[in-house]
């Protein structure tokens, strides 16, 4: 039982910290292309790195919306639609 009492404030702290991060910075770097916006490929002749196809996850922006911000946008949209 004492372990649960010490874990609850820690979980609350982590949750509030993530909520603050989503409020300040709603977008993070794309996990698939690491923020480049395209896949990196290597030239066969010179071995030089070149931009490849546009990333399918972020469509070339290099950014993605965070899960917490996506959930907030959905809940806010439901609330807005329900109170009209």
PDB file of N, CA and C in Angstrom:
ATOM      1  N   UNK A   1       0.804  -1.199   0.000  1.00  0.00           N
ATOM      2  CA  UNK A   1       0.000   0.000   0.000  1.00  0.00           C
ATOM      3  C   UNK A   1       0.852   1.271   0.000  1.00  0.00           C
ATOM      4  N   UNK A   2       1.960   1.340   0.734  1.00  0.00           N
ATOM      5  CA  UNK A   2       2.760   2.573   0.722  1.00  0.00           C
ATOM      6  C   UNK A   2       3.343   2.885  -0.651  1.00  0.00           C
ATOM      7  N   UNK A   3       3.596   1.853  -1.471  1.00  0.00           N
ATOM      8  CA  UNK A   3       4.151   2.093  -2.792  1.00  0.00           C
ATOM      9  C   UNK A   3       3.142   2.815  -3.678  1.00  0.00           C
ATOM     10  N   UNK A   4       1.879   2.483  -3.529  1.00  0.00           N
ATOM     11  CA  UNK A   4       0.838   3.132  -4.334  1.00  0.00           C
ATOM     12  C   UNK A   4       0.697   4.597  -3.936  1.00  0.00           C
ATOM     13  N   UNK A   5       0.882   4.889  -2.680  1.00  0.00           N
ATOM     14  CA  UNK A   5       0.752   6.278  -2.224  1.00  0.00           C
ATOM     15  C   UNK A   5       1.892   7.149  -2.739  1.00  0.00           C
ATOM     16  N   UNK A   6       3.056   6.570  -2.963  1.00  0.00           N
ATOM     17  CA  UNK A   6       4.166   7.354  -3.497  1.00  0.00           C
ATOM     18  C   UNK A   6       4.129   7.415  -5.022  1.00  0.00           C
ATOM     19  N   UNK A   7       3.487   6.451  -5.658  1.00  0.00           N
ATOM     20  CA  UNK A   7       3.431   6.428  -7.116  1.00  0.00           C
ATOM     21  C   UNK A   7       2.393   7.392  -7.668  1.00  0.00           C
ATOM     22  N   UNK A   8       1.320   7.619  -6.942  1.00  0.00           N
ATOM     23  CA  UNK A   8       0.237   8.482  -7.435  1.00  0.00           C
ATOM     24  C   UNK A   8       0.705   9.917  -7.662  1.00  0.00           C
ATOM     25  N   UNK A   9       1.403  10.551  -6.724  1.00  0.00           N
ATOM     26  CA  UNK A   9       1.879  11.914  -7.025  1.00  0.00           C
ATOM     27  C   UNK A   9       2.867  11.961  -8.188  1.00  0.00           C
ATOM     28  N   UNK A  10       3.660  10.921  -8.340  1.00  0.00           N
ATOM     29  CA  UNK A  10       4.585  10.862  -9.466  1.00  0.00           C
ATOM     30  C   UNK A  10       3.852  10.784 -10.793  1.00  0.00           C
ATOM     31  N   UNK A  11       2.817   9.970 -10.864  1.00  0.00           N
ATOM     32  CA  UNK A  11       2.012   9.864 -12.083  1.00  0.00           C
ATOM     33  C   UNK A  11       1.285  11.169 -12.385  1.00  0.00           C
ATOM     34  N   UNK A  12       0.790  11.825 -11.356  1.00  0.00           N
ATOM     35  CA  UNK A  12       0.127  13.125 -11.555  1.00  0.00           C
ATOM     36  C   UNK A  12       1.127  14.145 -12.079  1.00  0.00           C
ATOM     37  N   UNK A  13       2.330  14.152 -11.533  1.00  0.00           N
ATOM     38  CA  UNK A  13       3.373  15.080 -11.980  1.00  0.00           C
ATOM     39  C   UNK A  13       3.735  14.833 -13.441  1.00  0.00           C
ATOM     40  N   UNK A  14       3.890  13.570 -13.825  1.00  0.00           N
ATOM     41  CA  UNK A  14       4.227  13.228 -15.212  1.00  0.00           C
ATOM     42  C   UNK A  14       3.097  13.622 -16.157  1.00  0.00           C
ATOM     43  N   UNK A  15       1.853  13.363 -15.761  1.00  0.00           N
ATOM     44  CA  UNK A  15       0.696  13.702 -16.594  1.00  0.00           C
ATOM     45  C   UNK A  15       0.577  15.208 -16.791  1.00  0.00           C
ATOM     46  N   UNK A  16       0.737  15.977 -15.733  1.00  0.00           N
ATOM     47  CA  UNK A  16       0.657  17.436 -15.855  1.00  0.00           C
ATOM     48  C   UNK A  16       1.824  17.989 -16.668  1.00  0.00           C
ATOM     49  N   UNK A  17       2.988  17.363 -16.539  1.00  0.00           N
ATOM     50  CA  UNK A  17       4.136  17.786 -17.342  1.00  0.00           C
ATOM     51  C   UNK A  17       3.914  17.534 -18.824  1.00  0.00           C
ATOM     52  N   UNK A  18       3.327  16.386 -19.157  1.00  0.00           N
ATOM     53  CA  UNK A  18       3.040  16.085 -20.558  1.00  0.00           C
ATOM     54  C   UNK A  18       1.948  17.001 -21.103  1.00  0.00           C
ATOM     55  N   UNK A  19       0.955  17.310 -20.284  1.00  0.00           N
ATOM     56  CA  UNK A  19      -0.098  18.238 -20.707  1.00  0.00           C
ATOM     57  C   UNK A  19       0.487  19.622 -20.971  1.00  0.00           C
ATOM     58  N   UNK A  20       1.412  20.061 -20.140  1.00  0.00           N
ATOM     59  CA  UNK A  20       2.060  21.357 -20.361  1.00  0.00           C
ATOM     60  C   UNK A  20       2.907  21.319 -21.637  1.00  0.00           C
ATOM     61  N   UNK A  21       3.592  20.215 -21.888  1.00  0.00           N
ATOM     62  CA  UNK A  21       4.384  20.083 -23.111  1.00  0.00           C
ATOM     63  C   UNK A  21       3.488  20.146 -24.343  1.00  0.00           C
ATOM     64  N   UNK A  22       2.342  19.477 -24.289  1.00  0.00           N
ATOM     65  CA  UNK A  22       1.408  19.494 -25.425  1.00  0.00           C
ATOM     66  C   UNK A  22       0.815  20.882 -25.629  1.00  0.00           C
ATOM     67  N   UNK A  23       0.637  21.638 -24.556  1.00  0.00           N
ATOM     68  CA  UNK A  23       0.093  22.991 -24.687  1.00  0.00           C
ATOM     69  C   UNK A  23       1.135  23.942 -25.274  1.00  0.00           C
ATOM     70  N   UNK A  24       2.380  23.805 -24.866  1.00  0.00           N
ATOM     71  CA  UNK A  24       3.435  24.705 -25.331  1.00  0.00           C
ATOM     72  C   UNK A  24       3.921  24.322 -26.723  1.00  0.00           C
ATOM     73  N   UNK A  25       4.124  23.030 -26.950  1.00  0.00           N
ATOM     74  CA  UNK A  25       4.642  22.552 -28.219  1.00  0.00           C
ATOM     75  C   UNK A  25       3.763  21.410 -28.726  1.00  0.00           C
ATOM     76  N   UNK A  26       2.684  21.720 -29.466  1.00  0.00           N
ATOM     77  CA  UNK A  26       1.757  20.668 -29.875  1.00  0.00           C
ATOM     78  C   UNK A  26       2.305  19.720 -30.941  1.00  0.00           C
ATOM     79  N   UNK A  27       3.377  20.094 -31.616  1.00  0.00           N
ATOM     80  CA  UNK A  27       3.940  19.253 -32.663  1.00  0.00           C
ATOM     81  C   UNK A  27       5.316  18.756 -32.260  1.00  0.00           C
ATOM     82  N   UNK A  28       5.604  17.498 -32.608  1.00  0.00           N
ATOM     83  CA  UNK A  28       6.911  16.909 -32.385  1.00  0.00           C
ATOM     84  C   UNK A  28       7.494  16.478 -33.719  1.00  0.00           C
ATOM     85  N   UNK A  29       8.729  16.024 -33.715  1.00  0.00           N
ATOM     86  CA  UNK A  29       9.337  15.586 -34.961  1.00  0.00           C
ATOM     87  C   UNK A  29       8.751  14.250 -35.375  1.00  0.00           C
ATOM     88  N   UNK A  30       8.685  14.026 -36.661  1.00  0.00           N
ATOM     89  CA  UNK A  30       8.150  12.785 -37.217  1.00  0.00           C
ATOM     90  C   UNK A  30       9.062  11.633 -36.821  1.00  0.00           C
ATOM     91  N   UNK A  31       8.482  10.541 -36.395  1.00  0.00           N
ATOM     92  CA  UNK A  31       9.283   9.400 -35.958  1.00  0.00           C
ATOM     93  C   UNK A  31       9.859   8.619 -37.123  1.00  0.00           C
ATOM     94  N   UNK A  32       9.209   8.690 -38.247  1.00  0.00           N
ATOM     95  CA  UNK A  32       9.626   7.883 -39.382  1.00  0.00           C
ATOM     96  C   UNK A  32      10.805   8.508 -40.131  1.00  0.00           C
ATOM     97  N   UNK A  33      10.786   9.840 -40.318  1.00  0.00           N
ATOM     98  CA  UNK A  33      11.850  10.489 -41.091  1.00  0.00           C
ATOM     99  C   UNK A  33      12.757  11.350 -40.213  1.00  0.00           C
ATOM    100  N   UNK A  34      12.564  11.333 -38.898  1.00  0.00           N
ATOM    101  CA  UNK A  34      13.363  12.113 -37.949  1.00  0.00           C
ATOM    102  C   UNK A  34      13.347  13.609 -38.236  1.00  0.00           C
ATOM    103  N   UNK A  35      12.241  14.107 -38.767  1.00  0.00           N
ATOM    104  CA  UNK A  35      12.090  15.533 -39.005  1.00  0.00           C
ATOM    105  C   UNK A  35      12.641  16.029 -40.320  1.00  0.00           C
ATOM    106  N   UNK A  36      13.173  15.141 -41.165  1.00  0.00           N
ATOM    107  CA  UNK A  36      13.716  15.573 -42.451  1.00  0.00           C
ATOM    108  C   UNK A  36      12.617  15.842 -43.472  1.00  0.00           C
ATOM    109  N   UNK A  37      11.490  15.137 -43.367  1.00  0.00           N
ATOM    110  CA  UNK A  37      10.400  15.307 -44.314  1.00  0.00           C
ATOM    111  C   UNK A  37      10.486  14.382 -45.503  1.00  0.00           C
ATOM    112  N   UNK A  38      11.565  13.650 -45.602  1.00  0.00           N
ATOM    113  CA  UNK A  38      11.724  12.699 -46.697  1.00  0.00           C
ATOM    114  C   UNK A  38      12.661  11.592 -46.245  1.00  0.00           C
ATOM    115  N   UNK A  39      12.617  10.511 -46.957  1.00  0.00           N
ATOM    116  CA  UNK A  39      13.539   9.423 -46.664  1.00  0.00           C
ATOM    117  C   UNK A  39      14.904   9.765 -47.252  1.00  0.00           C
ATOM    118  N   UNK A  40      15.943   9.371 -46.577  1.00  0.00           N
ATOM    119  CA  UNK A  40      17.299   9.623 -47.047  1.00  0.00           C
ATOM    120  C   UNK A  40      17.740   8.407 -47.867  1.00  0.00           C
ATOM    121  N   UNK A  41      18.281   8.676 -49.032  1.00  0.00           N
ATOM    122  CA  UNK A  41      18.819   7.582 -49.838  1.00  0.00           C
ATOM    123  C   UNK A  41      20.240   7.920 -50.237  1.00  0.00           C
ATOM    124  N   UNK A  42      20.967   6.916 -50.673  1.00  0.00           N
ATOM    125  CA  UNK A  42      22.369   7.081 -51.015  1.00  0.00           C
ATOM    126  C   UNK A  42      22.543   6.902 -52.525  1.00  0.00           C
ATOM    127  N   UNK A  43      23.288   7.809 -53.124  1.00  0.00           N
ATOM    128  CA  UNK A  43      23.561   7.727 -54.551  1.00  0.00           C
ATOM    129  C   UNK A  43      24.428   6.497 -54.828  1.00  0.00           C
ATOM    130  N   UNK A  44      24.121   5.789 -55.895  1.00  0.00           N
ATOM    131  CA  UNK A  44      24.894   4.575 -56.206  1.00  0.00           C
ATOM    132  C   UNK A  44      26.288   4.899 -56.715  1.00  0.00           C
ATOM    133  N   UNK A  45      26.417   6.006 -57.422  1.00  0.00           N
ATOM    134  CA  UNK A  45      27.697   6.324 -58.041  1.00  0.00           C
ATOM    135  C   UNK A  45      28.659   6.950 -57.034  1.00  0.00           C
ATOM    136  N   UNK A  46      28.245   8.044 -56.400  1.00  0.00           N
ATOM    137  CA  UNK A  46      29.163   8.776 -55.526  1.00  0.00           C
ATOM    138  C   UNK A  46      29.019   8.403 -54.060  1.00  0.00           C
ATOM    139  N   UNK A  47      27.905   7.773 -53.679  1.00  0.00           N
ATOM    140  CA  UNK A  47      27.701   7.432 -52.278  1.00  0.00           C
ATOM    141  C   UNK A  47      27.189   8.587 -51.458  1.00  0.00           C
ATOM    142  N   UNK A  48      26.869   9.694 -52.122  1.00  0.00           N
ATOM    143  CA  UNK A  48      26.375  10.888 -51.444  1.00  0.00           C
ATOM    144  C   UNK A  48      24.937  10.679 -50.969  1.00  0.00           C
ATOM    145  N   UNK A  49      24.595  11.263 -49.838  1.00  0.00           N
ATOM    146  CA  UNK A  49      23.228  11.176 -49.334  1.00  0.00           C
ATOM    147  C   UNK A  49      22.356  12.182 -50.058  1.00  0.00           C
ATOM    148  N   UNK A  50      21.166  11.732 -50.481  1.00  0.00           N
ATOM    149  CA  UNK A  50      20.247  12.579 -51.225  1.00  0.00           C
ATOM    150  C   UNK A  50      18.846  12.418 -50.644  1.00  0.00           C
ATOM    151  N   UNK A  51      18.005  13.427 -50.810  1.00  0.00           N
ATOM    152  CA  UNK A  51      16.627  13.246 -50.369  1.00  0.00           C
ATOM    153  C   UNK A  51      15.907  12.263 -51.284  1.00  0.00           C
ATOM    154  N   UNK A  52      15.154  11.381 -50.675  1.00  0.00           N
ATOM    155  CA  UNK A  52      14.401  10.397 -51.433  1.00  0.00           C
ATOM    156  C   UNK A  52      12.946  10.803 -51.536  1.00  0.00           C
ATOM    157  N   UNK A  53      12.067   9.834 -51.414  1.00  0.00           N
ATOM    158  CA  UNK A  53      10.637  10.097 -51.511  1.00  0.00           C
ATOM    159  C   UNK A  53      10.151  10.881 -50.296  1.00  0.00           C
ATOM    160  N   UNK A  54       9.045  11.563 -50.490  1.00  0.00           N
ATOM    161  CA  UNK A  54       8.428  12.313 -49.396  1.00  0.00           C
ATOM    162  C   UNK A  54       7.898  11.323 -48.360  1.00  0.00           C
ATOM    163  N   UNK A  55       8.075  11.657 -47.101  1.00  0.00           N
ATOM    164  CA  UNK A  55       7.640  10.792 -46.010  1.00  0.00           C
ATOM    165  C   UNK A  55       6.122  10.632 -46.041  1.00  0.00           C
ATOM    166  N   UNK A  56       5.652   9.398 -45.930  1.00  0.00           N
ATOM    167  CA  UNK A  56       4.217   9.138 -45.973  1.00  0.00           C
ATOM    168  C   UNK A  56       3.527   9.507 -44.669  1.00  0.00           C
ATOM    169  N   UNK A  57       4.253   9.516 -43.575  1.00  0.00           N
ATOM    170  CA  UNK A  57       3.632   9.822 -42.286  1.00  0.00           C
ATOM    171  C   UNK A  57       3.350  11.303 -42.113  1.00  0.00           C
ATOM    172  N   UNK A  58       4.322  12.140 -42.451  1.00  0.00           N
ATOM    173  CA  UNK A  58       4.172  13.582 -42.204  1.00  0.00           C
ATOM    174  C   UNK A  58       3.940  14.369 -43.482  1.00  0.00           C
ATOM    175  N   UNK A  59       3.934  13.711 -44.626  1.00  0.00           N
ATOM    176  CA  UNK A  59       3.704  14.349 -45.933  1.00  0.00           C
ATOM    177  C   UNK A  59       4.728  15.436 -46.236  1.00  0.00           C
ATOM    178  N   UNK A  60       5.940  15.258 -45.770  1.00  0.00           N
ATOM    179  CA  UNK A  60       7.020  16.173 -46.092  1.00  0.00           C
ATOM    180  C   UNK A  60       7.198  17.329 -45.127  1.00  0.00           C
ATOM    181  N   UNK A  61       6.368  17.423 -44.095  1.00  0.00           N
ATOM    182  CA  UNK A  61       6.496  18.522 -43.138  1.00  0.00           C
ATOM    183  C   UNK A  61       7.544  18.256 -42.074  1.00  0.00           C
ATOM    184  N   UNK A  62       7.780  16.999 -41.766  1.00  0.00           N
ATOM    185  CA  UNK A  62       8.769  16.662 -40.747  1.00  0.00           C
ATOM    186  C   UNK A  62       8.234  16.800 -39.332  1.00  0.00           C
ATOM    187  N   UNK A  63       6.966  17.124 -39.186  1.00  0.00           N
ATOM    188  CA  UNK A  63       6.357  17.314 -37.868  1.00  0.00           C
ATOM    189  C   UNK A  63       5.131  16.417 -37.757  1.00  0.00           C
ATOM    190  N   UNK A  64       4.786  16.043 -36.556  1.00  0.00           N
ATOM    191  CA  UNK A  64       3.576  15.274 -36.287  1.00  0.00           C
ATOM    192  C   UNK A  64       2.898  15.863 -35.062  1.00  0.00           C
ATOM    193  N   UNK A  65       1.596  15.686 -34.960  1.00  0.00           N
ATOM    194  CA  UNK A  65       0.881  16.191 -33.792  1.00  0.00           C
ATOM    195  C   UNK A  65       1.050  15.184 -32.658  1.00  0.00           C
ATOM    196  N   UNK A  66       1.274  15.685 -31.467  1.00  0.00           N
ATOM    197  CA  UNK A  66       1.448  14.806 -30.313  1.00  0.00           C
ATOM    198  C   UNK A  66       0.120  14.145 -29.956  1.00  0.00           C
ATOM    199  N   UNK A  67       0.179  12.971 -29.357  1.00  0.00           N
ATOM    200  CA  UNK A  67      -1.023  12.215 -29.025  1.00  0.00           C
ATOM    201  C   UNK A  67      -1.893  12.984 -28.034  1.00  0.00           C
ATOM    202  N   UNK A  68      -1.274  13.597 -27.045  1.00  0.00           N
ATOM    203  CA  UNK A  68      -2.040  14.359 -26.054  1.00  0.00           C
ATOM    204  C   UNK A  68      -2.755  15.543 -26.682  1.00  0.00           C
ATOM    205  N   UNK A  69      -2.104  16.220 -27.610  1.00  0.00           N
ATOM    206  CA  UNK A  69      -2.742  17.349 -28.280  1.00  0.00           C
ATOM    207  C   UNK A  69      -3.860  16.882 -29.202  1.00  0.00           C
ATOM    208  N   UNK A  70      -3.664  15.729 -29.859  1.00  0.00           N
ATOM    209  CA  UNK A  70      -4.699  15.168 -30.712  1.00  0.00           C
ATOM    210  C   UNK A  70      -5.948  14.834 -29.899  1.00  0.00           C
ATOM    211  N   UNK A  71      -5.738  14.221 -28.721  1.00  0.00           N
ATOM    212  CA  UNK A  71      -6.862  13.910 -27.844  1.00  0.00           C
ATOM    213  C   UNK A  71      -7.556  15.177 -27.363  1.00  0.00           C
ATOM    214  N   UNK A  72      -6.787  16.197 -26.992  1.00  0.00           N
ATOM    215  CA  UNK A  72      -7.371  17.458 -26.560  1.00  0.00           C
ATOM    216  C   UNK A  72      -8.199  18.092 -27.676  1.00  0.00           C
ATOM    217  N   UNK A  73      -7.689  18.074 -28.899  1.00  0.00           N
ATOM    218  CA  UNK A  73      -8.427  18.639 -30.021  1.00  0.00           C
ATOM    219  C   UNK A  73      -9.745  17.893 -30.232  1.00  0.00           C
ATOM    220  N   UNK A  74      -9.731  16.568 -30.112  1.00  0.00           N
ATOM    221  CA  UNK A  74     -10.956  15.789 -30.269  1.00  0.00           C
ATOM    222  C   UNK A  74     -11.977  16.116 -29.186  1.00  0.00           C
ATOM    223  N   UNK A  75     -11.552  16.140 -27.934  1.00  0.00           N
ATOM    224  CA  UNK A  75     -12.464  16.425 -26.827  1.00  0.00           C
ATOM    225  C   UNK A  75     -13.002  17.848 -26.938  1.00  0.00           C
ATOM    226  N   UNK A  76     -12.150  18.798 -27.283  1.00  0.00           N
ATOM    227  CA  UNK A  76     -12.601  20.178 -27.434  1.00  0.00           C
ATOM    228  C   UNK A  76     -13.596  20.299 -28.585  1.00  0.00           C
ATOM    229  N   UNK A  77     -13.377  19.551 -29.668  1.00  0.00           N
ATOM    230  CA  UNK A  77     -14.312  19.557 -30.791  1.00  0.00           C
ATOM    231  C   UNK A  77     -15.663  18.973 -30.405  1.00  0.00           C
ATOM    232  N   UNK A  78     -15.663  17.856 -29.645  1.00  0.00           N
ATOM    233  CA  UNK A  78     -16.920  17.267 -29.187  1.00  0.00           C
ATOM    234  C   UNK A  78     -17.668  18.243 -28.285  1.00  0.00           C
ATOM    235  N   UNK A  79     -16.935  18.898 -27.400  1.00  0.00           N
ATOM    236  CA  UNK A  79     -17.563  19.852 -26.487  1.00  0.00           C
ATOM    237  C   UNK A  79     -18.125  21.044 -27.269  1.00  0.00           C
ATOM    238  N   UNK A  80     -17.373  21.547 -28.231  1.00  0.00           N
ATOM    239  CA  UNK A  80     -17.818  22.683 -29.031  1.00  0.00           C
ATOM    240  C   UNK A  80     -19.059  22.327 -29.847  1.00  0.00           C
ATOM    241  N   UNK A  81     -19.047  21.122 -30.444  1.00  0.00           N
ATOM    242  CA  UNK A  81     -20.201  20.694 -31.238  1.00  0.00           C
ATOM    243  C   UNK A  81     -21.423  20.425 -30.373  1.00  0.00           C
ATOM    244  N   UNK A  82     -21.200  19.961 -29.149  1.00  0.00           N
ATOM    245  CA  UNK A  82     -22.318  19.649 -28.268  1.00  0.00           C
ATOM    246  C   UNK A  82     -22.951  20.858 -27.612  1.00  0.00           C
ATOM    247  N   UNK A  83     -22.244  21.966 -27.552  1.00  0.00           N
ATOM    248  CA  UNK A  83     -22.773  23.154 -26.882  1.00  0.00           C
ATOM    249  C   UNK A  83     -23.264  24.210 -27.854  1.00  0.00           C
ATOM    250  N   UNK A  84     -23.335  23.892 -29.116  1.00  0.00           N
ATOM    251  CA  UNK A  84     -23.840  24.873 -30.097  1.00  0.00           C
ATOM    252  C   UNK A  84     -25.339  24.884 -30.126  1.00  0.00           C
TER     253      UNK A  84
END
